[in-house]
Amino acid sequence: MLQVFQAFDRELIAEIETDDEASLDRKLSTASEAFADRTSWLEPHERIAILRKVADSLDSQKDAFALMIAREGGKPLRDAAAEVVRAVDGVRNAADELRTFAGREIPMGLSPASTNRWAFTTKEPIGVVAAISAFNHPLNLIVHQVVPAIATGCPVIVKPADRTPLSCLEFVKLVHEAGLPEAWCQTLITADTALAESLATSPRIAFLSFIGSARVGWYLHSKLAPGVRSALEHGGAAPAIIDRSADLEAVLDPLVRGGFYHAGQVCVSTQRVYVHDAVFQEMADRLIAKVSSLQTGDPTFEKTDVGPLITPREVDRVADWVAEAVASSVAPAVGGTRLSKTLFEPTILLDPAPDVRVSREEIFGPVMALYRYKDLSDALARANSLPVAFQASIFAQDLDVALSAAHGLEASAVMVNDATTFRTDWMPFAGRRVSGYGTGGIGYTMQDMTHEKMIILRRR
């Protein structure tokens, strides 16, 4: 049995039956057999109808899902409610995408050998999808991994994070209630990493969607069966640059949102902030005042801004990293205190040493570090110095500085005067370097989960 605990106070929420090797084998066989039988493939209009029913059902239960997210994942209730709204929109995006999801004409007649021919491509599902998900968005990540598979006609087996499986299980129930046969969407419930690896590396899958740590993701990528495609979404230590021309008051909300949303447990959370020396102290004072006003506590309370980390062990780790920074003669400007087994006070560090972990690695906690710079080229070099690269921000009113930073930042997306965490579910979302492989986003994932087949007609 898998025990699921409330993130905030470690109260037992549920006990769930787990899968073993035999059940995984059955599920892989069921999915493979369903895909092999082309007569069982659902038409696009049937998939659209199912997805629309799922979206409507999810929308009608958004309060229950929001509370579930807050309890199992620790996300503050307001943010959990926003996650459900996004999830509903994501399902509808996939249904809408199908209306124009098509192949293309391939030009013929461009050489004597290609005359009297007409060629076009069609989209076909790639095959069985294995989706391994993460805890920090226990509903919306599932939507991004499962819904594109449903939309494109791929059977999918999804393994939610063992700490947050409830939202996934309830979502899959909605999928089945909406009319999708069970063989086309199954769950794998386990805390056994070897069993999860067996799913990811099975020769019976055609596509692996993985969201989690770089260490695990790249390991699984190296073990994939020949021909299996993958999409990996890992983390980063997102940089933001604040120029001397920035509107410091306008910077505060997106900066705090970027750093402390979901207690910093976000792959594009703002962690490293490079502030021009001319405005460093003023920016630090404003930020300290803002962060000091954040309400940290029970995520099910409406007024909570920052909730718990997912486990007490993660609080231990964050506390160790902050202690290391303090030991290197960098005192926390605000915060730095463990508040309970699962709560860590939102923390600002000023000019931590470049060799401490908070300067080099993703902390995945409510900690932000501010660094001084005098020249933009120096800020860019430091921002780009890590092996991770995902999303980044530049705050500036000077257009030349903004454009120079947008050009110079090593990132898949650069936000100008906005949080590093900004995302819409239809935009491309991808990590560079160690941070990931492939491109997320509903429509982009649908492309990855299909093959193009070319058909050539020859006429007399």
Protein backbone atom coordinates (compact mmCIF):
# COMPACT_ATOMS: atom_id res chain seq x y z
CA MET A 1 0.00 0.00 0.00
CA LEU A 2 1.14 3.53 -0.75
CA GLN A 3 0.47 6.02 2.03
CA VAL A 4 -0.28 9.59 0.98
CA PHE A 5 0.33 12.30 3.57
CA GLN A 6 -0.84 15.89 3.78
CA ALA A 7 2.21 17.99 2.94
CA PHE A 8 1.65 20.60 5.66
CA ASP A 9 1.22 18.48 8.81
CA ARG A 10 2.02 14.95 7.55
CA GLU A 11 -1.49 13.74 8.36
CA LEU A 12 -2.38 10.53 6.53
CA ILE A 13 -4.82 11.30 3.71
CA ALA A 14 -5.17 7.97 1.92
CA GLU A 15 -3.77 4.50 1.41
CA ILE A 16 -3.67 3.30 -2.18
CA GLU A 17 -3.08 -0.10 -3.75
CA THR A 18 0.22 -0.22 -5.59
CA ASP A 19 1.26 -1.97 -8.77
CA ASP A 20 3.90 -4.68 -9.12
CA GLU A 21 5.83 -6.16 -12.03
CA ALA A 22 2.94 -8.41 -13.03
CA SER A 23 0.47 -5.53 -13.17
CA LEU A 24 2.92 -3.39 -15.14
CA ASP A 25 3.33 -6.23 -17.64
CA ARG A 26 -0.45 -6.51 -17.96
CA LYS A 27 -0.84 -2.79 -18.49
CA LEU A 28 1.89 -2.66 -21.12
CA SER A 29 0.30 -5.61 -22.91
CA THR A 30 -3.14 -4.00 -22.73
CA ALA A 31 -1.86 -0.72 -24.15
CA SER A 32 0.21 -2.42 -26.86
CA GLU A 33 -2.67 -4.61 -27.97
CA ALA A 34 -5.06 -1.66 -28.08
CA PHE A 35 -2.67 0.28 -30.29
CA ALA A 36 -1.96 -2.69 -32.56
CA ASP A 37 -5.68 -3.05 -33.33
CA ARG A 38 -6.22 -0.17 -35.76
CA THR A 39 -9.94 -0.87 -35.86
CA SER A 40 -10.13 0.28 -32.23
CA TRP A 41 -8.54 3.68 -32.89
CA LEU A 42 -10.89 6.53 -32.05
CA GLU A 43 -11.70 9.08 -34.72
CA PRO A 44 -10.64 12.69 -34.09
CA HIS A 45 -14.24 13.77 -33.46
CA GLU A 46 -14.56 11.09 -30.78
CA ARG A 47 -11.37 12.23 -29.07
CA ILE A 48 -12.53 15.86 -29.23
CA ALA A 49 -15.84 14.90 -27.61
CA ILE A 50 -14.08 12.98 -24.83
CA LEU A 51 -11.69 15.84 -24.10
CA ARG A 52 -14.51 18.37 -23.97
CA LYS A 53 -16.40 16.18 -21.50
CA VAL A 54 -13.27 15.88 -19.37
CA ALA A 55 -12.80 19.65 -19.38
CA ASP A 56 -16.43 20.25 -18.36
CA SER A 57 -16.25 17.63 -15.59
CA LEU A 58 -12.99 19.05 -14.26
CA ASP A 59 -14.41 22.56 -14.34
CA SER A 60 -17.45 21.45 -12.34
CA GLN A 61 -15.19 19.93 -9.66
CA LYS A 62 -12.53 22.63 -9.53
CA ASP A 63 -12.96 23.40 -5.83
CA ALA A 64 -12.51 19.75 -4.85
CA PHE A 65 -9.42 19.41 -7.05
CA ALA A 66 -7.94 22.64 -5.68
CA LEU A 67 -8.29 21.41 -2.11
CA MET A 68 -6.77 18.06 -3.07
CA ILE A 69 -3.76 19.80 -4.64
CA ALA A 70 -3.30 21.95 -1.54
CA ARG A 71 -3.48 18.96 0.77
CA GLU A 72 -1.29 16.43 -1.04
CA GLY A 73 1.15 18.86 -2.65
CA GLY A 74 1.18 21.78 -0.21
CA LYS A 75 0.45 24.44 -2.82
CA PRO A 76 -1.45 27.42 -1.33
CA LEU A 77 -5.15 27.18 -2.07
CA ARG A 78 -5.27 30.28 -4.30
CA ASP A 79 -2.48 28.87 -6.45
CA ALA A 80 -4.03 25.41 -6.41
CA ALA A 81 -7.27 26.90 -7.73
CA ALA A 82 -5.31 28.61 -10.49
CA GLU A 83 -3.69 25.27 -11.36
CA VAL A 84 -7.11 23.69 -11.86
CA VAL A 85 -8.21 26.55 -14.12
CA ARG A 86 -5.06 26.05 -16.18
CA ALA A 87 -5.69 22.30 -16.34
CA VAL A 88 -9.21 22.85 -17.66
CA ASP A 89 -7.85 25.22 -20.28
CA GLY A 90 -5.12 22.71 -21.19
CA VAL A 91 -7.65 19.99 -21.91
CA ARG A 92 -9.66 22.39 -24.06
CA ASN A 93 -6.47 23.47 -25.86
CA ALA A 94 -5.88 19.88 -26.94
CA ALA A 95 -9.42 19.48 -28.22
CA ASP A 96 -9.14 22.74 -30.16
CA GLU A 97 -5.71 21.78 -31.53
CA LEU A 98 -7.22 18.72 -33.17
CA ARG A 99 -9.33 20.88 -35.43
CA THR A 100 -6.21 21.96 -37.35
CA PHE A 101 -3.86 19.08 -36.49
CA ALA A 102 -2.96 17.81 -39.95
CA GLY A 103 -0.27 16.88 -42.41
CA ARG A 104 0.88 18.91 -45.41
CA GLU A 105 1.36 18.75 -49.12
CA ILE A 106 4.84 17.80 -50.37
CA PRO A 107 5.66 19.53 -53.68
CA MET A 108 6.08 17.27 -56.68
CA GLY A 109 6.90 18.08 -60.30
CA LEU A 110 10.05 19.93 -59.34
CA SER A 111 12.16 17.52 -61.34
CA PRO A 112 11.44 15.30 -64.34
CA ALA A 113 11.52 12.24 -62.10
CA SER A 114 8.79 13.63 -59.80
CA THR A 115 6.24 14.60 -62.46
CA ASN A 116 2.74 13.20 -62.51
CA ARG A 117 2.74 12.68 -58.76
CA TRP A 118 0.84 14.18 -55.85
CA ALA A 119 2.21 13.77 -52.31
CA PHE A 120 0.88 14.62 -48.89
CA THR A 121 1.43 13.60 -45.28
CA THR A 122 -0.92 12.45 -42.59
CA LYS A 123 -0.46 12.35 -38.82
CA GLU A 124 -0.39 9.01 -37.05
CA PRO A 125 0.00 8.33 -33.30
CA ILE A 126 3.50 7.27 -32.34
CA GLY A 127 2.47 4.39 -30.08
CA VAL A 128 2.33 3.67 -26.36
CA VAL A 129 3.34 6.63 -24.17
CA ALA A 130 4.93 6.26 -20.74
CA ALA A 131 4.48 9.38 -18.63
CA ILE A 132 6.43 9.82 -15.39
CA SER A 133 5.38 12.94 -13.52
CA ALA A 134 6.46 15.20 -10.65
CA PHE A 135 4.83 16.38 -7.43
CA ASN A 136 4.89 20.15 -7.78
CA HIS A 137 1.92 20.50 -10.16
CA PRO A 138 0.07 17.26 -9.43
CA LEU A 139 -2.81 18.00 -11.80
CA ASN A 140 -1.50 20.30 -14.52
CA LEU A 141 1.62 18.24 -15.22
CA ILE A 142 -0.58 15.18 -15.64
CA VAL A 143 -2.72 17.13 -18.10
CA HIS A 144 0.37 18.13 -20.10
CA GLN A 145 1.56 14.54 -20.31
CA VAL A 146 -1.70 12.59 -20.63
CA VAL A 147 -3.99 14.85 -22.64
CA PRO A 148 -1.72 15.15 -25.73
CA ALA A 149 -1.57 11.34 -25.82
CA ILE A 150 -5.35 11.09 -25.69
CA ALA A 151 -5.69 13.80 -28.33
CA THR A 152 -3.31 12.13 -30.77
CA GLY A 153 -4.63 8.62 -30.19
CA CYS A 154 -1.73 7.16 -28.18
CA PRO A 155 -2.38 4.73 -25.32
CA VAL A 156 -0.76 6.20 -22.21
CA ILE A 157 0.43 4.75 -18.91
CA VAL A 158 1.03 7.51 -16.37
CA LYS A 159 3.02 7.20 -13.16
CA PRO A 160 2.31 10.16 -10.86
CA ALA A 161 4.75 11.19 -8.15
CA ASP A 162 4.31 8.80 -5.23
CA ARG A 163 3.82 11.78 -2.88
CA THR A 164 0.97 13.28 -4.93
CA PRO A 165 -0.97 10.55 -6.76
CA LEU A 166 -4.50 11.58 -5.81
CA SER A 167 -5.04 14.35 -8.38
CA CYS A 168 -3.81 12.04 -11.12
CA LEU A 169 -6.11 9.19 -10.08
CA GLU A 170 -9.12 11.47 -9.95
CA PHE A 171 -8.27 12.98 -13.33
CA VAL A 172 -7.95 9.55 -14.95
CA LYS A 173 -11.35 8.68 -13.50
CA LEU A 174 -12.81 11.68 -15.31
CA VAL A 175 -11.15 10.52 -18.52
CA HIS A 176 -12.76 7.09 -18.27
CA GLU A 177 -16.13 8.54 -17.29
CA ALA A 178 -15.94 10.74 -20.39
CA GLY A 179 -15.82 7.62 -22.56
CA LEU A 180 -12.15 6.80 -23.17
CA PRO A 181 -11.66 3.03 -22.94
CA GLU A 182 -9.48 2.03 -20.02
CA ALA A 183 -6.82 0.49 -22.23
CA TRP A 184 -6.02 3.94 -23.63
CA CYS A 185 -5.26 5.59 -20.27
CA GLN A 186 -3.88 3.61 -17.34
CA THR A 187 -2.02 4.51 -14.16
CA LEU A 188 1.03 2.96 -12.55
CA ILE A 189 1.05 3.56 -8.80
CA THR A 190 4.37 2.79 -7.18
CA ALA A 191 7.16 4.19 -5.07
CA ASP A 192 9.50 1.55 -6.51
CA THR A 193 12.04 3.31 -8.72
CA ALA A 194 13.03 0.03 -10.36
CA LEU A 195 9.44 -0.54 -11.47
CA ALA A 196 9.23 3.01 -12.83
CA GLU A 197 12.45 2.36 -14.72
CA SER A 198 10.93 -0.81 -16.18
CA LEU A 199 8.06 1.26 -17.54
CA ALA A 200 10.34 3.93 -19.00
CA THR A 201 12.76 1.50 -20.63
CA SER A 202 10.27 -1.06 -21.91
CA PRO A 203 10.63 -1.82 -25.65
CA ARG A 204 6.83 -1.77 -25.79
CA ILE A 205 6.68 2.01 -25.38
CA ALA A 206 7.29 4.46 -28.22
CA PHE A 207 7.56 7.70 -26.25
CA LEU A 208 8.75 8.64 -22.76
CA SER A 209 7.52 11.84 -21.14
CA PHE A 210 9.54 12.50 -17.99
CA ILE A 211 9.30 15.41 -15.54
CA GLY A 212 11.69 15.32 -12.62
CA SER A 213 15.35 15.58 -11.71
CA ALA A 214 18.06 15.84 -14.34
CA ARG A 215 19.95 12.97 -12.77
CA VAL A 216 17.04 10.56 -13.18
CA GLY A 217 15.82 11.96 -16.49
CA TRP A 218 19.14 11.68 -18.31
CA TYR A 219 19.72 8.25 -16.80
CA LEU A 220 16.39 6.99 -18.16
CA HIS A 221 17.08 8.67 -21.50
CA SER A 222 20.32 6.67 -21.77
CA LYS A 223 18.43 3.41 -21.13
CA LEU A 224 15.62 3.83 -23.68
CA ALA A 225 14.98 1.01 -26.10
CA PRO A 226 16.10 1.70 -29.70
CA GLY A 227 13.72 3.99 -31.55
CA VAL A 228 11.95 5.33 -28.47
CA ARG A 229 11.53 9.11 -28.45
CA SER A 230 11.55 11.16 -25.27
CA ALA A 231 10.78 14.53 -23.77
CA LEU A 232 12.56 15.48 -20.55
CA GLU A 233 11.69 18.41 -18.34
CA HIS A 234 14.12 19.06 -15.52
CA GLY A 235 14.93 22.06 -13.37
CA GLY A 236 17.03 25.19 -13.38
CA ALA A 237 18.24 27.99 -11.17
CA ALA A 238 16.51 30.76 -13.08
CA PRO A 239 18.36 34.08 -13.31
CA ALA A 240 16.81 37.55 -13.33
CA ILE A 241 18.72 40.74 -14.11
CA ILE A 242 17.58 44.08 -12.69
CA ASP A 243 19.03 47.03 -14.58
CA ARG A 244 19.52 50.49 -13.08
CA SER A 245 16.72 51.71 -15.38
CA ALA A 246 14.17 49.26 -13.95
CA ASP A 247 11.00 50.49 -12.26
CA LEU A 248 11.84 48.99 -8.87
CA GLU A 249 8.30 49.16 -7.54
CA ALA A 250 6.98 47.34 -10.60
CA VAL A 251 9.70 44.70 -10.25
CA LEU A 252 8.58 43.56 -6.79
CA ASP A 253 5.44 41.55 -7.56
CA PRO A 254 6.82 39.50 -10.45
CA LEU A 255 10.13 38.98 -8.65
CA VAL A 256 8.48 37.74 -5.46
CA ARG A 257 6.02 35.67 -7.45
CA GLY A 258 8.87 34.16 -9.41
CA GLY A 259 10.89 33.26 -6.34
CA PHE A 260 8.32 32.17 -3.78
CA TYR A 261 5.39 30.73 -5.74
CA HIS A 262 4.81 27.21 -4.37
CA ALA A 263 7.68 27.78 -1.91
CA GLY A 264 10.13 27.92 -4.80
CA GLN A 265 9.35 24.33 -5.86
CA VAL A 266 9.09 25.22 -9.54
CA CYS A 267 11.52 24.33 -12.32
CA VAL A 268 11.73 27.97 -13.47
CA SER A 269 11.65 29.57 -10.01
CA THR A 270 13.68 32.79 -9.75
CA GLN A 271 16.74 31.86 -7.71
CA ARG A 272 19.64 34.10 -8.82
CA VAL A 273 18.95 37.84 -9.08
CA TYR A 274 21.66 40.12 -10.48
CA VAL A 275 21.04 43.73 -9.45
CA HIS A 276 22.91 46.75 -10.80
CA ASP A 277 25.15 48.21 -8.12
CA ALA A 278 23.50 51.63 -8.45
CA VAL A 279 20.13 50.27 -7.27
CA PHE A 280 21.22 47.22 -5.28
CA GLN A 281 20.54 48.54 -1.77
CA GLU A 282 17.21 50.14 -2.68
CA MET A 283 16.10 46.96 -4.44
CA ALA A 284 17.21 44.83 -1.49
CA ASP A 285 15.32 47.02 0.99
CA ARG A 286 12.13 46.93 -1.07
CA LEU A 287 12.38 43.18 -1.60
CA ILE A 288 13.06 42.46 2.06
CA ALA A 289 9.99 44.46 3.09
CA LYS A 290 7.85 42.64 0.54
CA VAL A 291 9.07 39.15 1.42
CA SER A 292 8.73 39.84 5.14
CA SER A 293 5.02 40.44 4.62
CA LEU A 294 4.37 37.02 3.04
CA GLN A 295 2.11 34.72 5.05
CA THR A 296 3.67 31.28 5.51
CA GLY A 297 1.55 28.42 6.79
CA ASP A 298 -1.29 25.98 6.11
CA PRO A 299 -1.87 25.87 2.33
CA THR A 300 -5.58 25.25 2.74
CA PHE A 301 -6.02 28.75 4.22
CA GLU A 302 -7.05 31.40 1.72
CA LYS A 303 -4.55 33.99 3.02
CA THR A 304 -1.48 31.73 2.87
CA ASP A 305 1.16 32.92 0.39
CA VAL A 306 3.86 30.31 0.99
CA GLY A 307 3.10 26.74 1.97
CA PRO A 308 5.23 23.79 3.01
CA LEU A 309 7.95 21.94 1.18
CA ILE A 310 6.87 18.53 0.02
CA THR A 311 8.63 16.59 2.82
CA PRO A 312 10.56 17.33 6.04
CA ARG A 313 13.65 15.93 4.32
CA GLU A 314 13.49 18.73 1.76
CA VAL A 315 13.37 21.29 4.57
CA ASP A 316 16.48 19.66 6.05
CA ARG A 317 18.25 20.10 2.73
CA VAL A 318 17.22 23.73 2.23
CA ALA A 319 18.26 24.55 5.79
CA ASP A 320 21.68 22.98 5.14
CA TRP A 321 22.17 25.04 1.98
CA VAL A 322 21.25 28.27 3.76
CA ALA A 323 23.52 27.37 6.69
CA GLU A 324 26.37 26.81 4.24
CA ALA A 325 25.80 30.29 2.77
CA VAL A 326 25.71 31.85 6.24
CA ALA A 327 28.91 30.02 7.22
CA SER A 328 30.64 31.58 4.24
CA SER A 329 30.02 35.01 5.85
CA VAL A 330 26.76 35.73 4.05
CA ALA A 331 24.01 36.55 6.54
CA PRO A 332 20.41 36.10 5.40
CA ALA A 333 18.83 39.48 4.86
CA VAL A 334 15.47 38.08 5.79
CA GLY A 335 14.23 34.64 6.80
CA GLY A 336 16.49 31.64 6.95
CA THR A 337 14.59 29.97 9.79
CA ARG A 338 12.90 26.61 9.89
CA LEU A 339 9.34 27.20 11.11
CA SER A 340 8.15 23.60 11.44
CA LYS A 341 8.85 20.12 10.11
CA THR A 342 7.64 21.19 6.67
CA LEU A 343 7.83 25.01 6.64
CA PHE A 344 10.88 27.11 5.85
CA GLU A 345 10.77 30.88 6.16
CA PRO A 346 11.02 32.75 2.82
CA THR A 347 14.67 33.78 2.63
CA ILE A 348 16.73 36.44 0.87
CA LEU A 349 20.52 36.10 0.74
CA LEU A 350 22.75 39.02 -0.21
CA ASP A 351 25.85 38.36 -2.34
CA PRO A 352 26.40 34.72 -1.38
CA ALA A 353 29.76 33.26 -2.35
CA PRO A 354 29.92 31.90 -5.91
CA ASP A 355 30.98 28.43 -4.78
CA VAL A 356 28.14 27.71 -2.31
CA ARG A 357 25.36 25.42 -3.48
CA VAL A 358 22.70 28.11 -3.64
CA SER A 359 24.86 29.88 -6.24
CA ARG A 360 25.53 26.72 -8.27
CA GLU A 361 22.54 24.38 -7.99
CA GLU A 362 18.76 24.46 -8.00
CA ILE A 363 17.59 24.83 -4.41
CA PHE A 364 13.89 24.09 -5.11
CA GLY A 365 12.89 25.96 -1.99
CA PRO A 366 11.84 29.46 -0.82
CA VAL A 367 15.29 31.04 -1.13
CA MET A 368 16.42 33.85 -3.42
CA ALA A 369 19.96 35.21 -3.74
CA LEU A 370 20.84 38.78 -4.80
CA TYR A 371 24.18 39.60 -6.41
CA ARG A 372 25.70 42.96 -7.34
CA TYR A 373 26.93 43.77 -10.82
CA LYS A 374 28.24 46.91 -12.56
CA ASP A 375 28.42 45.86 -16.19
CA LEU A 376 25.68 44.01 -18.10
CA SER A 377 28.19 41.72 -19.76
CA ASP A 378 29.30 40.54 -16.31
CA ALA A 379 25.70 39.88 -15.24
CA LEU A 380 25.06 37.92 -18.43
CA ALA A 381 28.21 35.85 -18.00
CA ARG A 382 27.26 34.94 -14.44
CA ALA A 383 23.65 34.26 -15.37
CA ASN A 384 24.81 31.90 -18.13
CA SER A 385 27.54 30.22 -16.10
CA LEU A 386 25.63 27.13 -14.91
CA PRO A 387 24.96 23.92 -16.87
CA VAL A 388 21.21 24.47 -16.44
CA ALA A 389 19.28 26.86 -18.68
CA PHE A 390 15.50 27.29 -18.80
CA GLN A 391 13.67 30.59 -18.47
CA ALA A 392 15.15 33.97 -17.47
CA SER A 393 14.08 37.58 -16.87
CA ILE A 394 15.41 41.06 -17.55
CA PHE A 395 13.88 44.06 -15.78
CA ALA A 396 14.69 47.33 -17.53
CA GLN A 397 13.03 50.45 -18.91
CA ASP A 398 16.02 51.05 -21.16
CA LEU A 399 15.06 49.27 -24.38
CA ASP A 400 18.65 48.78 -25.49
CA VAL A 401 19.50 47.03 -22.23
CA ALA A 402 16.37 44.88 -22.42
CA LEU A 403 17.11 43.79 -25.98
CA SER A 404 20.79 43.18 -25.24
CA ALA A 405 19.90 40.99 -22.27
CA ALA A 406 17.19 39.15 -24.21
CA HIS A 407 19.77 38.39 -26.87
CA GLY A 408 22.55 37.48 -24.45
CA LEU A 409 20.73 35.30 -21.92
CA GLU A 410 21.12 31.56 -22.48
CA ALA A 411 17.49 30.54 -22.06
CA SER A 412 14.62 28.99 -23.96
CA ALA A 413 12.46 31.98 -23.03
CA VAL A 414 13.40 35.45 -21.79
CA MET A 415 10.77 37.51 -19.96
CA VAL A 416 11.08 41.27 -20.19
CA ASN A 417 9.71 42.93 -17.03
CA ASP A 418 7.97 39.69 -16.01
CA ALA A 419 8.58 36.68 -13.78
CA THR A 420 10.78 33.79 -14.84
CA THR A 421 7.83 31.56 -13.94
CA PHE A 422 5.48 33.00 -16.56
CA ARG A 423 3.87 30.33 -18.71
CA THR A 424 0.79 29.74 -20.80
CA ASP A 425 -0.13 26.19 -21.66
CA TRP A 426 -0.08 26.67 -25.42
CA MET A 427 3.39 28.23 -25.58
CA PRO A 428 6.60 26.21 -26.08
CA PHE A 429 8.21 25.30 -22.76
CA ALA A 430 11.63 23.70 -22.74
CA GLY A 431 14.89 23.45 -20.87
CA ARG A 432 18.27 23.79 -22.55
CA ARG A 433 21.52 22.01 -21.74
CA VAL A 434 21.03 19.82 -18.64
CA SER A 435 17.57 21.30 -18.04
CA GLY A 436 15.71 19.21 -20.55
CA TYR A 437 15.17 17.67 -23.95
CA GLY A 438 12.34 18.36 -26.38
CA THR A 439 9.62 20.97 -26.13
CA GLY A 440 6.59 20.96 -23.87
CA GLY A 441 3.28 22.74 -24.35
CA ILE A 442 0.05 21.04 -25.42
CA GLY A 443 0.38 21.49 -29.19
CA TYR A 444 4.14 20.89 -29.22
CA THR A 445 3.79 17.65 -27.28
CA MET A 446 1.07 16.52 -29.67
CA GLN A 447 3.52 16.99 -32.53
CA ASP A 448 6.11 14.88 -30.68
CA MET A 449 3.60 12.10 -30.09
CA THR A 450 2.89 11.60 -33.78
CA HIS A 451 4.63 10.38 -36.91
CA GLU A 452 4.14 11.93 -40.31
CA LYS A 453 3.32 9.37 -42.98
CA MET A 454 3.79 10.40 -46.60
CA ILE A 455 1.46 9.12 -49.29
CA ILE A 456 2.39 9.52 -52.95
CA LEU A 457 -0.15 9.15 -55.75
CA ARG A 458 1.06 8.60 -59.28
CA ARG A 459 -1.18 9.49 -62.16
CA ARG A 460 -0.89 8.52 -65.83
